[in-house]
PDB file of N, CA and C in Angstrom:
ATOM      1  N   UNK A   1    -125.941-190.128 207.340  1.00  0.00           N
ATOM      2  CA  UNK A   1    -125.867-189.765 208.639  1.00  0.00           C
ATOM      3  C   UNK A   1    -124.948-188.143 208.950  1.00  0.00           C
ATOM      4  N   UNK A   2    -125.739-187.634 210.116  1.00  0.00           N
ATOM      5  CA  UNK A   2    -125.553-186.293 210.291  1.00  0.00           C
ATOM      6  C   UNK A   2    -124.555-186.945 212.103  1.00  0.00           C
ATOM      7  N   UNK A   3    -123.656-186.632 211.832  1.00  0.00           N
ATOM      8  CA  UNK A   3    -123.188-186.426 213.315  1.00  0.00           C
ATOM      9  C   UNK A   3    -122.465-185.155 214.199  1.00  0.00           C
ATOM     10  N   UNK A   4    -123.083-184.710 215.476  1.00  0.00           N
ATOM     11  CA  UNK A   4    -123.106-183.425 215.856  1.00  0.00           C
ATOM     12  C   UNK A   4    -121.751-183.331 216.900  1.00  0.00           C
ATOM     13  N   UNK A   5    -120.638-182.838 216.862  1.00  0.00           N
ATOM     14  CA  UNK A   5    -119.462-182.870 218.135  1.00  0.00           C
ATOM     15  C   UNK A   5    -119.517-181.525 218.664  1.00  0.00           C
ATOM     16  N   UNK A   6    -119.599-181.687 220.417  1.00  0.00           N
ATOM     17  CA  UNK A   6    -119.710-180.391 221.050  1.00  0.00           C
ATOM     18  C   UNK A   6    -118.137-180.294 221.728  1.00  0.00           C
ATOM     19  N   UNK A   7    -117.374-178.940 221.537  1.00  0.00           N
ATOM     20  CA  UNK A   7    -116.334-179.386 222.637  1.00  0.00           C
ATOM     21  C   UNK A   7    -117.018-178.743 223.740  1.00  0.00           C
ATOM     22  N   UNK A   8    -118.122-178.809 224.273  1.00  0.00           N
ATOM     23  CA  UNK A   8    -117.891-177.876 224.991  1.00  0.00           C
ATOM     24  C   UNK A   8    -118.390-179.043 226.325  1.00  0.00           C
ATOM     25  N   UNK A   9    -118.486-180.156 225.895  1.00  0.00           N
ATOM     26  CA  UNK A   9    -118.701-181.360 226.943  1.00  0.00           C
ATOM     27  C   UNK A   9    -117.307-182.107 227.063  1.00  0.00           C
ATOM     28  N   UNK A  10    -116.021-181.749 227.172  1.00  0.00           N
ATOM     29  CA  UNK A  10    -115.026-181.956 227.370  1.00  0.00           C
ATOM     30  C   UNK A  10    -113.924-180.814 227.685  1.00  0.00           C
ATOM     31  N   UNK A  11    -113.199-181.290 228.702  1.00  0.00           N
ATOM     32  CA  UNK A  11    -112.289-180.048 229.581  1.00  0.00           C
ATOM     33  C   UNK A  11    -111.299-180.705 228.616  1.00  0.00           C
ATOM     34  N   UNK A  12    -110.818-181.066 227.783  1.00  0.00           N
ATOM     35  CA  UNK A  12    -109.397-181.342 227.218  1.00  0.00           C
ATOM     36  C   UNK A  12    -108.993-180.401 226.567  1.00  0.00           C
ATOM     37  N   UNK A  13    -107.831-179.706 226.959  1.00  0.00           N
ATOM     38  CA  UNK A  13    -106.835-179.270 226.384  1.00  0.00           C
ATOM     39  C   UNK A  13    -106.742-179.290 225.007  1.00  0.00           C
ATOM     40  N   UNK A  14    -106.597-178.190 224.368  1.00  0.00           N
ATOM     41  CA  UNK A  14    -106.431-178.768 222.864  1.00  0.00           C
ATOM     42  C   UNK A  14    -105.632-179.077 222.259  1.00  0.00           C
ATOM     43  N   UNK A  15    -104.416-180.242 222.852  1.00  0.00           N
ATOM     44  CA  UNK A  15    -103.625-180.896 221.492  1.00  0.00           C
ATOM     45  C   UNK A  15    -104.042-182.093 222.124  1.00  0.00           C
ATOM     46  N   UNK A  16    -104.622-182.280 223.212  1.00  0.00           N
ATOM     47  CA  UNK A  16    -105.040-184.100 223.794  1.00  0.00           C
ATOM     48  C   UNK A  16    -106.227-184.152 222.649  1.00  0.00           C
ATOM     49  N   UNK A  17    -107.542-182.410 222.559  1.00  0.00           N
ATOM     50  CA  UNK A  17    -108.367-182.954 221.643  1.00  0.00           C
ATOM     51  C   UNK A  17    -108.297-182.720 220.209  1.00  0.00           C
ATOM     52  N   UNK A  18    -106.956-182.742 219.397  1.00  0.00           N
ATOM     53  CA  UNK A  18    -106.310-182.501 218.127  1.00  0.00           C
ATOM     54  C   UNK A  18    -106.259-184.644 218.078  1.00  0.00           C
ATOM     55  N   UNK A  19    -105.139-184.848 218.683  1.00  0.00           N
ATOM     56  CA  UNK A  19    -105.179-186.209 219.197  1.00  0.00           C
ATOM     57  C   UNK A  19    -106.701-186.912 219.393  1.00  0.00           C
ATOM     58  N   UNK A  20    -107.101-186.306 220.153  1.00  0.00           N
ATOM     59  CA  UNK A  20    -108.624-187.241 220.431  1.00  0.00           C
ATOM     60  C   UNK A  20    -109.646-187.626 219.056  1.00  0.00           C
ATOM     61  N   UNK A  21    -109.229-186.421 218.681  1.00  0.00           N
ATOM     62  CA  UNK A  21    -110.354-186.169 217.295  1.00  0.00           C
ATOM     63  C   UNK A  21    -109.929-187.303 216.084  1.00  0.00           C
ATOM     64  N   UNK A  22    -108.433-186.332 215.710  1.00  0.00           N
ATOM     65  CA  UNK A  22    -107.727-187.237 214.822  1.00  0.00           C
ATOM     66  C   UNK A  22    -107.725-189.008 214.759  1.00  0.00           C
ATOM     67  N   UNK A  23    -107.577-189.464 215.938  1.00  0.00           N
ATOM     68  CA  UNK A  23    -107.747-190.868 216.454  1.00  0.00           C
ATOM     69  C   UNK A  23    -109.535-191.110 215.278  1.00  0.00           C
ATOM     70  N   UNK A  24    -110.540-190.508 216.082  1.00  0.00           N
ATOM     71  CA  UNK A  24    -111.717-190.751 215.792  1.00  0.00           C
ATOM     72  C   UNK A  24    -112.079-191.150 214.380  1.00  0.00           C
ATOM     73  N   UNK A  25    -111.559-189.666 213.755  1.00  0.00           N
ATOM     74  CA  UNK A  25    -111.771-189.671 212.240  1.00  0.00           C
ATOM     75  C   UNK A  25    -111.217-190.167 211.410  1.00  0.00           C
ATOM     76  N   UNK A  26    -110.097-191.312 211.883  1.00  0.00           N
ATOM     77  CA  UNK A  26    -109.551-192.788 210.949  1.00  0.00           C
ATOM     78  C   UNK A  26    -110.591-193.389 210.734  1.00  0.00           C
ATOM     79  N   UNK A  27    -111.814-193.713 212.277  1.00  0.00           N
ATOM     80  CA  UNK A  27    -112.621-194.601 212.207  1.00  0.00           C
ATOM     81  C   UNK A  27    -113.492-193.470 212.745  1.00  0.00           C
ATOM     82  N   UNK A  28    -114.558-193.293 212.117  1.00  0.00           N
ATOM     83  CA  UNK A  28    -115.811-192.766 212.784  1.00  0.00           C
ATOM     84  C   UNK A  28    -117.016-193.160 213.118  1.00  0.00           C
ATOM     85  N   UNK A  29    -117.012-194.275 212.396  1.00  0.00           N
ATOM     86  CA  UNK A  29    -118.103-195.313 212.906  1.00  0.00           C
ATOM     87  C   UNK A  29    -117.796-196.244 213.935  1.00  0.00           C
ATOM     88  N   UNK A  30    -118.594-196.481 214.788  1.00  0.00           N
ATOM     89  CA  UNK A  30    -118.551-197.525 215.700  1.00  0.00           C
ATOM     90  C   UNK A  30    -117.495-197.092 217.129  1.00  0.00           C
ATOM     91  N   UNK A  31    -116.842-196.039 217.005  1.00  0.00           N
ATOM     92  CA  UNK A  31    -116.522-195.633 218.609  1.00  0.00           C
ATOM     93  C   UNK A  31    -117.428-194.412 218.749  1.00  0.00           C
ATOM     94  N   UNK A  32    -117.169-193.693 220.002  1.00  0.00           N
ATOM     95  CA  UNK A  32    -117.940-192.824 220.836  1.00  0.00           C
ATOM     96  C   UNK A  32    -116.818-191.815 221.478  1.00  0.00           C
ATOM     97  N   UNK A  33    -117.076-190.836 221.612  1.00  0.00           N
ATOM     98  CA  UNK A  33    -116.320-189.423 222.796  1.00  0.00           C
ATOM     99  C   UNK A  33    -117.265-188.906 223.286  1.00  0.00           C
ATOM    100  N   UNK A  34    -117.237-188.005 224.178  1.00  0.00           N
ATOM    101  CA  UNK A  34    -117.619-187.681 225.034  1.00  0.00           C
ATOM    102  C   UNK A  34    -118.279-186.094 224.845  1.00  0.00           C
ATOM    103  N   UNK A  35    -117.590-185.307 222.845  1.00  0.00           N
ATOM    104  CA  UNK A  35    -118.430-184.292 222.739  1.00  0.00           C
ATOM    105  C   UNK A  35    -119.265-184.753 221.279  1.00  0.00           C
ATOM    106  N   UNK A  36    -119.500-185.872 221.130  1.00  0.00           N
ATOM    107  CA  UNK A  36    -120.678-186.517 220.650  1.00  0.00           C
ATOM    108  C   UNK A  36    -122.032-186.489 220.922  1.00  0.00           C
ATOM    109  N   UNK A  37    -122.528-185.710 220.669  1.00  0.00           N
ATOM    110  CA  UNK A  37    -123.842-184.991 221.464  1.00  0.00           C
ATOM    111  C   UNK A  37    -125.452-185.330 220.965  1.00  0.00           C
ATOM    112  N   UNK A  38    -125.050-185.559 219.285  1.00  0.00           N
ATOM    113  CA  UNK A  38    -126.055-186.265 219.036  1.00  0.00           C
ATOM    114  C   UNK A  38    -125.702-187.016 217.041  1.00  0.00           C
ATOM    115  N   UNK A  39    -126.362-187.786 217.196  1.00  0.00           N
ATOM    116  CA  UNK A  39    -126.360-189.245 215.648  1.00  0.00           C
ATOM    117  C   UNK A  39    -127.414-188.753 215.084  1.00  0.00           C
ATOM    118  N   UNK A  40    -127.491-188.548 213.683  1.00  0.00           N
ATOM    119  CA  UNK A  40    -129.102-187.659 212.885  1.00  0.00           C
ATOM    120  C   UNK A  40    -128.939-189.203 211.723  1.00  0.00           C
ATOM    121  N   UNK A  41    -129.932-189.662 211.624  1.00  0.00           N
ATOM    122  CA  UNK A  41    -130.115-190.576 210.802  1.00  0.00           C
ATOM    123  C   UNK A  41    -130.995-189.430 209.176  1.00  0.00           C
ATOM    124  N   UNK A  42    -130.058-188.894 208.510  1.00  0.00           N
ATOM    125  CA  UNK A  42    -130.947-188.268 207.732  1.00  0.00           C
ATOM    126  C   UNK A  42    -131.090-188.833 206.175  1.00  0.00           C
ATOM    127  N   UNK A  43    -130.877-190.196 206.566  1.00  0.00           N
ATOM    128  CA  UNK A  43    -131.101-190.934 204.834  1.00  0.00           C
ATOM    129  C   UNK A  43    -129.756-191.223 204.339  1.00  0.00           C
ATOM    130  N   UNK A  44    -128.975-190.412 204.205  1.00  0.00           N
ATOM    131  CA  UNK A  44    -128.008-190.512 203.316  1.00  0.00           C
ATOM    132  C   UNK A  44    -126.666-191.686 203.902  1.00  0.00           C
ATOM    133  N   UNK A  45    -126.871-192.925 203.796  1.00  0.00           N
ATOM    134  CA  UNK A  45    -126.021-193.962 203.993  1.00  0.00           C
ATOM    135  C   UNK A  45    -124.734-193.589 203.612  1.00  0.00           C
ATOM    136  N   UNK A  46    -124.440-193.047 202.250  1.00  0.00           N
ATOM    137  CA  UNK A  46    -123.033-192.850 201.771  1.00  0.00           C
ATOM    138  C   UNK A  46    -122.105-192.234 202.455  1.00  0.00           C
ATOM    139  N   UNK A  47    -122.720-191.251 202.985  1.00  0.00           N
ATOM    140  CA  UNK A  47    -121.679-189.765 203.347  1.00  0.00           C
ATOM    141  C   UNK A  47    -122.029-189.452 204.718  1.00  0.00           C
ATOM    142  N   UNK A  48    -120.990-188.985 206.025  1.00  0.00           N
ATOM    143  CA  UNK A  48    -121.202-188.626 206.827  1.00  0.00           C
ATOM    144  C   UNK A  48    -121.094-187.079 206.758  1.00  0.00           C
ATOM    145  N   UNK A  49    -122.277-186.429 207.663  1.00  0.00           N
ATOM    146  CA  UNK A  49    -122.156-185.480 207.172  1.00  0.00           C
ATOM    147  C   UNK A  49    -121.880-184.716 209.232  1.00  0.00           C
ATOM    148  N   UNK A  50    -120.695-183.345 209.321  1.00  0.00           N
ATOM    149  CA  UNK A  50    -120.504-183.333 210.578  1.00  0.00           C
ATOM    150  C   UNK A  50    -121.104-181.788 210.835  1.00  0.00           C
ATOM    151  N   UNK A  51    -121.319-181.923 212.241  1.00  0.00           N
ATOM    152  CA  UNK A  51    -121.039-180.331 212.891  1.00  0.00           C
ATOM    153  C   UNK A  51    -120.329-180.392 214.025  1.00  0.00           C
ATOM    154  N   UNK A  52    -119.600-179.479 213.461  1.00  0.00           N
ATOM    155  CA  UNK A  52    -118.916-179.123 215.025  1.00  0.00           C
ATOM    156  C   UNK A  52    -118.766-177.995 215.930  1.00  0.00           C
ATOM    157  N   UNK A  53    -119.186-178.181 216.768  1.00  0.00           N
ATOM    158  CA  UNK A  53    -119.245-176.699 217.248  1.00  0.00           C
ATOM    159  C   UNK A  53    -118.155-176.515 218.682  1.00  0.00           C
ATOM    160  N   UNK A  54    -117.785-175.309 218.796  1.00  0.00           N
ATOM    161  CA  UNK A  54    -116.456-174.966 219.288  1.00  0.00           C
ATOM    162  C   UNK A  54    -116.497-173.537 219.348  1.00  0.00           C
ATOM    163  N   UNK A  55    -115.911-173.235 220.509  1.00  0.00           N
ATOM    164  CA  UNK A  55    -115.095-171.711 220.485  1.00  0.00           C
ATOM    165  C   UNK A  55    -116.429-170.508 220.265  1.00  0.00           C
ATOM    166  N   UNK A  56    -117.456-170.849 220.199  1.00  0.00           N
ATOM    167  CA  UNK A  56    -118.852-169.959 219.645  1.00  0.00           C
ATOM    168  C   UNK A  56    -119.028-169.772 217.986  1.00  0.00           C
ATOM    169  N   UNK A  57    -118.386-171.210 217.788  1.00  0.00           N
ATOM    170  CA  UNK A  57    -118.487-171.446 216.292  1.00  0.00           C
ATOM    171  C   UNK A  57    -118.757-172.479 215.571  1.00  0.00           C
ATOM    172  N   UNK A  58    -119.487-172.825 214.994  1.00  0.00           N
ATOM    173  CA  UNK A  58    -119.999-173.755 213.854  1.00  0.00           C
ATOM    174  C   UNK A  58    -119.593-173.985 212.518  1.00  0.00           C
ATOM    175  N   UNK A  59    -118.607-175.591 212.462  1.00  0.00           N
ATOM    176  CA  UNK A  59    -117.832-176.021 211.483  1.00  0.00           C
ATOM    177  C   UNK A  59    -118.596-177.209 210.746  1.00  0.00           C
ATOM    178  N   UNK A  60    -119.120-176.876 209.612  1.00  0.00           N
ATOM    179  CA  UNK A  60    -120.161-178.326 209.258  1.00  0.00           C
ATOM    180  C   UNK A  60    -119.466-178.243 207.766  1.00  0.00           C
ATOM    181  N   UNK A  61    -119.086-179.847 207.571  1.00  0.00           N
ATOM    182  CA  UNK A  61    -118.544-180.380 206.227  1.00  0.00           C
ATOM    183  C   UNK A  61    -119.022-182.322 206.433  1.00  0.00           C
ATOM    184  N   UNK A  62    -118.596-182.243 204.948  1.00  0.00           N
ATOM    185  CA  UNK A  62    -118.509-183.724 204.751  1.00  0.00           C
ATOM    186  C   UNK A  62    -117.804-184.413 204.406  1.00  0.00           C
ATOM    187  N   UNK A  63    -117.763-185.970 205.249  1.00  0.00           N
ATOM    188  CA  UNK A  63    -116.481-186.901 205.367  1.00  0.00           C
ATOM    189  C   UNK A  63    -116.321-187.076 203.861  1.00  0.00           C
ATOM    190  N   UNK A  64    -115.298-186.483 203.325  1.00  0.00           N
ATOM    191  CA  UNK A  64    -115.099-186.372 202.057  1.00  0.00           C
ATOM    192  C   UNK A  64    -113.151-188.028 202.613  1.00  0.00           C
ATOM    193  N   UNK A  65    -112.985-188.424 201.169  1.00  0.00           N
ATOM    194  CA  UNK A  65    -111.566-189.056 201.304  1.00  0.00           C
ATOM    195  C   UNK A  65    -110.298-188.075 201.459  1.00  0.00           C
ATOM    196  N   UNK A  66    -110.840-186.926 200.921  1.00  0.00           N
ATOM    197  CA  UNK A  66    -109.622-185.895 201.327  1.00  0.00           C
ATOM    198  C   UNK A  66    -109.830-185.610 202.660  1.00  0.00           C
ATOM    199  N   UNK A  67    -111.192-184.996 202.730  1.00  0.00           N
ATOM    200  CA  UNK A  67    -110.988-184.075 204.354  1.00  0.00           C
ATOM    201  C   UNK A  67    -110.579-185.479 205.597  1.00  0.00           C
ATOM    202  N   UNK A  68    -110.855-186.666 205.166  1.00  0.00           N
ATOM    203  CA  UNK A  68    -110.439-187.483 206.025  1.00  0.00           C
ATOM    204  C   UNK A  68    -108.981-188.113 206.730  1.00  0.00           C
ATOM    205  N   UNK A  69    -108.756-187.870 205.652  1.00  0.00           N
ATOM    206  CA  UNK A  69    -107.361-188.502 205.724  1.00  0.00           C
ATOM    207  C   UNK A  69    -106.356-186.964 206.481  1.00  0.00           C
ATOM    208  N   UNK A  70    -106.740-185.827 205.916  1.00  0.00           N
ATOM    209  CA  UNK A  70    -106.477-184.532 207.029  1.00  0.00           C
ATOM    210  C   UNK A  70    -107.008-184.302 207.903  1.00  0.00           C
ATOM    211  N   UNK A  71    -108.412-184.843 208.646  1.00  0.00           N
ATOM    212  CA  UNK A  71    -108.401-184.993 210.029  1.00  0.00           C
ATOM    213  C   UNK A  71    -108.031-185.936 210.821  1.00  0.00           C
ATOM    214  N   UNK A  72    -107.964-187.146 210.147  1.00  0.00           N
ATOM    215  CA  UNK A  72    -107.208-188.122 210.738  1.00  0.00           C
ATOM    216  C   UNK A  72    -105.387-187.556 210.891  1.00  0.00           C
ATOM    217  N   UNK A  73    -104.929-187.007 210.095  1.00  0.00           N
ATOM    218  CA  UNK A  73    -103.339-186.839 210.574  1.00  0.00           C
ATOM    219  C   UNK A  73    -103.424-185.586 211.543  1.00  0.00           C
ATOM    220  N   UNK A  74    -104.089-184.452 212.021  1.00  0.00           N
ATOM    221  CA  UNK A  74    -104.559-183.284 212.296  1.00  0.00           C
ATOM    222  C   UNK A  74    -105.637-183.311 213.722  1.00  0.00           C
ATOM    223  N   UNK A  75    -106.589-183.423 213.097  1.00  0.00           N
ATOM    224  CA  UNK A  75    -107.817-183.105 214.057  1.00  0.00           C
ATOM    225  C   UNK A  75    -108.538-183.126 213.485  1.00  0.00           C
ATOM    226  N   UNK A  76    -109.483-181.976 214.329  1.00  0.00           N
ATOM    227  CA  UNK A  76    -110.450-180.863 214.115  1.00  0.00           C
ATOM    228  C   UNK A  76    -110.122-179.731 213.668  1.00  0.00           C
ATOM    229  N   UNK A  77    -109.401-179.322 213.731  1.00  0.00           N
ATOM    230  CA  UNK A  77    -108.021-178.057 213.786  1.00  0.00           C
ATOM    231  C   UNK A  77    -107.769-178.539 211.532  1.00  0.00           C
ATOM    232  N   UNK A  78    -107.768-178.932 211.684  1.00  0.00           N
ATOM    233  CA  UNK A  78    -107.327-179.175 209.709  1.00  0.00           C
ATOM    234  C   UNK A  78    -108.779-178.374 209.171  1.00  0.00           C
ATOM    235  N   UNK A  79    -109.465-178.355 209.555  1.00  0.00           N
ATOM    236  CA  UNK A  79    -110.449-177.518 208.881  1.00  0.00           C
ATOM    237  C   UNK A  79    -110.634-176.119 209.582  1.00  0.00           C
ATOM    238  N   UNK A  80    -110.173-175.584 210.361  1.00  0.00           N
ATOM    239  CA  UNK A  80    -110.687-174.787 211.193  1.00  0.00           C
ATOM    240  C   UNK A  80    -109.748-173.539 210.881  1.00  0.00           C
ATOM    241  N   UNK A  81    -110.499-172.157 210.587  1.00  0.00           N
ATOM    242  CA  UNK A  81    -109.650-170.739 209.876  1.00  0.00           C
ATOM    243  C   UNK A  81    -109.788-170.052 210.906  1.00  0.00           C
ATOM    244  N   UNK A  82    -110.008-170.187 212.145  1.00  0.00           N
ATOM    245  CA  UNK A  82    -109.381-169.603 213.645  1.00  0.00           C
ATOM    246  C   UNK A  82    -108.655-170.253 214.285  1.00  0.00           C
ATOM    247  N   UNK A  83    -107.976-169.410 215.514  1.00  0.00           N
ATOM    248  CA  UNK A  83    -107.296-170.006 216.191  1.00  0.00           C
ATOM    249  C   UNK A  83    -108.365-169.819 217.759  1.00  0.00           C
ATOM    250  N   UNK A  84    -108.471-171.818 217.609  1.00  0.00           N
ATOM    251  CA  UNK A  84    -109.456-171.985 218.662  1.00  0.00           C
ATOM    252  C   UNK A  84    -108.937-172.057 219.950  1.00  0.00           C
ATOM    253  N   UNK A  85    -109.350-172.511 221.275  1.00  0.00           N
ATOM    254  CA  UNK A  85    -109.190-171.647 222.595  1.00  0.00           C
ATOM    255  C   UNK A  85    -108.489-173.186 222.885  1.00  0.00           C
ATOM    256  N   UNK A  86    -106.910-172.991 223.520  1.00  0.00           N
ATOM    257  CA  UNK A  86    -106.144-174.344 223.866  1.00  0.00           C
ATOM    258  C   UNK A  86    -106.782-174.543 225.115  1.00  0.00           C
ATOM    259  N   UNK A  87    -107.652-174.469 226.419  1.00  0.00           N
ATOM    260  CA  UNK A  87    -107.541-174.899 227.266  1.00  0.00           C
ATOM    261  C   UNK A  87    -109.220-174.673 227.328  1.00  0.00           C
ATOM    262  N   UNK A  88    -109.716-175.509 228.006  1.00  0.00           N
ATOM    263  CA  UNK A  88    -111.049-175.707 228.370  1.00  0.00           C
ATOM    264  C   UNK A  88    -111.897-175.927 229.645  1.00  0.00           C
ATOM    265  N   UNK A  89    -112.913-175.293 230.252  1.00  0.00           N
ATOM    266  CA  UNK A  89    -113.304-175.504 231.113  1.00  0.00           C
ATOM    267  C   UNK A  89    -114.769-175.454 231.344  1.00  0.00           C
ATOM    268  N   UNK A  90    -115.334-176.202 232.542  1.00  0.00           N
ATOM    269  CA  UNK A  90    -117.225-175.831 232.669  1.00  0.00           C
ATOM    270  C   UNK A  90    -117.771-177.101 232.246  1.00  0.00           C
ATOM    271  N   UNK A  91    -116.627-178.259 231.808  1.00  0.00           N
ATOM    272  CA  UNK A  91    -117.125-179.379 231.185  1.00  0.00           C
ATOM    273  C   UNK A  91    -118.168-180.382 231.959  1.00  0.00           C
ATOM    274  N   UNK A  92    -117.921-180.329 233.161  1.00  0.00           N
ATOM    275  CA  UNK A  92    -118.307-180.848 234.387  1.00  0.00           C
ATOM    276  C   UNK A  92    -119.650-180.589 234.715  1.00  0.00           C
ATOM    277  N   UNK A  93    -119.745-179.375 235.038  1.00  0.00           N
ATOM    278  CA  UNK A  93    -120.872-178.693 235.176  1.00  0.00           C
ATOM    279  C   UNK A  93    -122.355-178.995 234.103  1.00  0.00           C
ATOM    280  N   UNK A  94    -121.642-179.139 232.948  1.00  0.00           N
ATOM    281  CA  UNK A  94    -122.295-179.076 232.229  1.00  0.00           C
ATOM    282  C   UNK A  94    -122.764-180.598 231.976  1.00  0.00           C
ATOM    283  N   UNK A  95    -122.175-181.546 232.067  1.00  0.00           N
ATOM    284  CA  UNK A  95    -122.949-182.384 232.562  1.00  0.00           C
ATOM    285  C   UNK A  95    -123.511-183.007 233.605  1.00  0.00           C
ATOM    286  N   UNK A  96    -123.277-182.012 234.347  1.00  0.00           N
ATOM    287  CA  UNK A  96    -124.312-182.324 236.376  1.00  0.00           C
ATOM    288  C   UNK A  96    -125.852-181.782 235.169  1.00  0.00           C
ATOM    289  N   UNK A  97    -125.625-180.639 234.581  1.00  0.00           N
ATOM    290  CA  UNK A  97    -126.930-180.354 234.449  1.00  0.00           C
ATOM    291  C   UNK A  97    -127.771-181.422 233.338  1.00  0.00           C
ATOM    292  N   UNK A  98    -127.180-182.120 232.607  1.00  0.00           N
ATOM    293  CA  UNK A  98    -128.037-183.118 231.489  1.00  0.00           C
ATOM    294  C   UNK A  98    -128.966-183.987 232.118  1.00  0.00           C
ATOM    295  N   UNK A  99    -127.721-184.265 233.935  1.00  0.00           N
ATOM    296  CA  UNK A  99    -128.138-185.460 234.508  1.00  0.00           C
ATOM    297  C   UNK A  99    -129.680-185.344 234.826  1.00  0.00           C
ATOM    298  N   UNK A 100    -130.242-183.489 234.997  1.00  0.00           N
ATOM    299  CA  UNK A 100    -131.336-183.517 235.434  1.00  0.00           C
ATOM    300  C   UNK A 100    -132.748-183.358 234.453  1.00  0.00           C
ATOM    301  N   UNK A 101    -131.769-183.615 232.688  1.00  0.00           N
ATOM    302  CA  UNK A 101    -132.763-183.739 231.999  1.00  0.00           C
ATOM    303  C   UNK A 101    -133.841-185.308 231.589  1.00  0.00           C
ATOM    304  N   UNK A 102    -134.654-184.854 231.251  1.00  0.00           N
ATOM    305  CA  UNK A 102    -135.295-186.214 231.054  1.00  0.00           C
ATOM    306  C   UNK A 102    -134.623-187.111 230.084  1.00  0.00           C
ATOM    307  N   UNK A 103    -134.443-188.669 229.889  1.00  0.00           N
ATOM    308  CA  UNK A 103    -133.689-189.940 228.836  1.00  0.00           C
ATOM    309  C   UNK A 103    -134.598-189.970 227.925  1.00  0.00           C
ATOM    310  N   UNK A 104    -135.967-189.230 227.866  1.00  0.00           N
ATOM    311  CA  UNK A 104    -136.394-189.745 226.829  1.00  0.00           C
ATOM    312  C   UNK A 104    -136.262-188.760 225.638  1.00  0.00           C
ATOM    313  N   UNK A 105    -136.339-188.344 224.601  1.00  0.00           N
ATOM    314  CA  UNK A 105    -136.368-187.933 223.257  1.00  0.00           C
ATOM    315  C   UNK A 105    -138.007-187.361 223.029  1.00  0.00           C
ATOM    316  N   UNK A 106    -137.992-186.354 222.766  1.00  0.00           N
ATOM    317  CA  UNK A 106    -139.243-186.095 221.710  1.00  0.00           C
ATOM    318  C   UNK A 106    -139.470-186.057 220.510  1.00  0.00           C
TER     319      UNK A 106
END
Protein backbone atom coordinates (compact mmCIF):
# COMPACT_ATOMS: atom_id res chain seq x y z
CA UNK A 1 0.00 0.00 0.00
CA UNK A 2 1.21 3.49 -0.84
CA UNK A 3 0.26 6.39 1.45
CA UNK A 4 0.74 10.01 0.38
CA UNK A 5 1.09 12.66 3.09
CA UNK A 6 1.12 16.36 2.22
CA UNK A 7 1.96 18.81 5.00
CA UNK A 8 0.42 21.63 2.94
CA UNK A 9 -3.01 20.57 4.20
CA UNK A 10 -2.27 21.34 7.84
CA UNK A 11 -1.13 24.59 9.44
CA UNK A 12 0.25 22.93 12.57
CA UNK A 13 3.64 24.19 13.72
CA UNK A 14 6.53 21.79 13.29
CA UNK A 15 6.58 20.73 16.95
CA UNK A 16 2.92 19.67 16.84
CA UNK A 17 3.41 18.03 13.45
CA UNK A 18 6.30 15.95 14.81
CA UNK A 19 4.19 14.77 17.75
CA UNK A 20 1.17 14.06 15.52
CA UNK A 21 3.18 12.13 12.94
CA UNK A 22 5.02 10.15 15.64
CA UNK A 23 1.65 9.00 17.02
CA UNK A 24 0.49 8.17 13.50
CA UNK A 25 3.56 6.09 12.65
CA UNK A 26 3.11 4.00 15.80
CA UNK A 27 -0.12 2.63 14.25
CA UNK A 28 -0.40 3.86 10.64
CA UNK A 29 -3.26 1.58 9.63
CA UNK A 30 -6.70 2.48 10.86
CA UNK A 31 -5.89 6.10 11.71
CA UNK A 32 -6.23 9.23 9.64
CA UNK A 33 -4.72 12.69 9.59
CA UNK A 34 -5.56 15.84 7.56
CA UNK A 35 -2.21 15.51 5.77
CA UNK A 36 -3.04 12.07 4.31
CA UNK A 37 -4.21 12.92 0.82
CA UNK A 38 -4.14 9.53 -0.89
CA UNK A 39 -4.05 5.82 -0.09
CA UNK A 40 -3.25 3.66 -3.10
CA UNK A 41 -3.53 -0.11 -3.26
CA UNK A 42 -0.34 -1.08 -5.05
CA UNK A 43 -0.87 -4.81 -4.55
CA UNK A 44 1.83 -5.12 -1.87
CA UNK A 45 0.06 -6.27 1.29
CA UNK A 46 3.31 -6.73 3.22
CA UNK A 47 4.98 -3.29 2.96
CA UNK A 48 3.69 0.23 3.48
CA UNK A 49 5.31 2.75 1.14
CA UNK A 50 5.09 6.45 2.05
CA UNK A 51 5.47 9.62 0.04
CA UNK A 52 5.74 12.73 2.23
CA UNK A 53 5.45 16.14 0.57
CA UNK A 54 6.76 19.10 2.56
CA UNK A 55 8.60 22.37 1.99
CA UNK A 56 8.77 21.77 -1.77
CA UNK A 57 10.47 18.42 -1.21
CA UNK A 58 9.46 14.79 -1.42
CA UNK A 59 10.53 12.10 1.02
CA UNK A 60 9.84 8.54 -0.10
CA UNK A 61 10.39 5.48 2.07
CA UNK A 62 9.23 1.97 2.91
CA UNK A 63 8.09 1.52 6.50
CA UNK A 64 10.57 -1.05 7.80
CA UNK A 65 10.67 -1.97 11.49
CA UNK A 66 13.81 0.13 12.00
CA UNK A 67 12.39 3.20 10.26
CA UNK A 68 9.07 2.82 12.09
CA UNK A 69 10.89 2.84 15.43
CA UNK A 70 12.61 6.14 14.61
CA UNK A 71 9.44 7.72 13.18
CA UNK A 72 7.39 6.64 16.20
CA UNK A 73 9.89 8.40 18.48
CA UNK A 74 10.64 11.58 16.50
CA UNK A 75 7.97 11.92 13.80
CA UNK A 76 8.62 12.34 10.08
CA UNK A 77 11.64 14.60 10.72
CA UNK A 78 13.55 11.43 11.60
CA UNK A 79 14.12 10.97 7.85
CA UNK A 80 14.55 14.62 6.83
CA UNK A 81 17.97 15.65 5.55
CA UNK A 82 16.97 19.34 5.56
CA UNK A 83 15.64 21.93 8.01
CA UNK A 84 11.86 22.05 7.54
CA UNK A 85 9.82 25.22 7.98
CA UNK A 86 8.68 25.70 11.56
CA UNK A 87 5.44 27.58 10.85
CA UNK A 88 2.88 26.81 8.17
CA UNK A 89 0.09 28.85 6.63
CA UNK A 90 -2.47 28.57 3.86
CA UNK A 91 -4.13 25.24 4.66
CA UNK A 92 -7.57 26.83 5.12
CA UNK A 93 -7.43 28.27 1.59
CA UNK A 94 -6.34 24.92 0.14
CA UNK A 95 -9.27 23.16 1.89
CA UNK A 96 -11.70 25.78 0.52
CA UNK A 97 -10.36 25.14 -3.00
CA UNK A 98 -10.78 21.40 -2.55
CA UNK A 99 -14.44 21.84 -1.66
CA UNK A 100 -15.07 22.98 -5.22
CA UNK A 101 -13.63 19.82 -6.80
CA UNK A 102 -15.91 16.91 -7.79
CA UNK A 103 -16.17 14.16 -5.20
CA UNK A 104 -15.71 11.37 -7.77
CA UNK A 105 -12.36 10.03 -8.92
CA UNK A 106 -11.39 9.44 -12.55
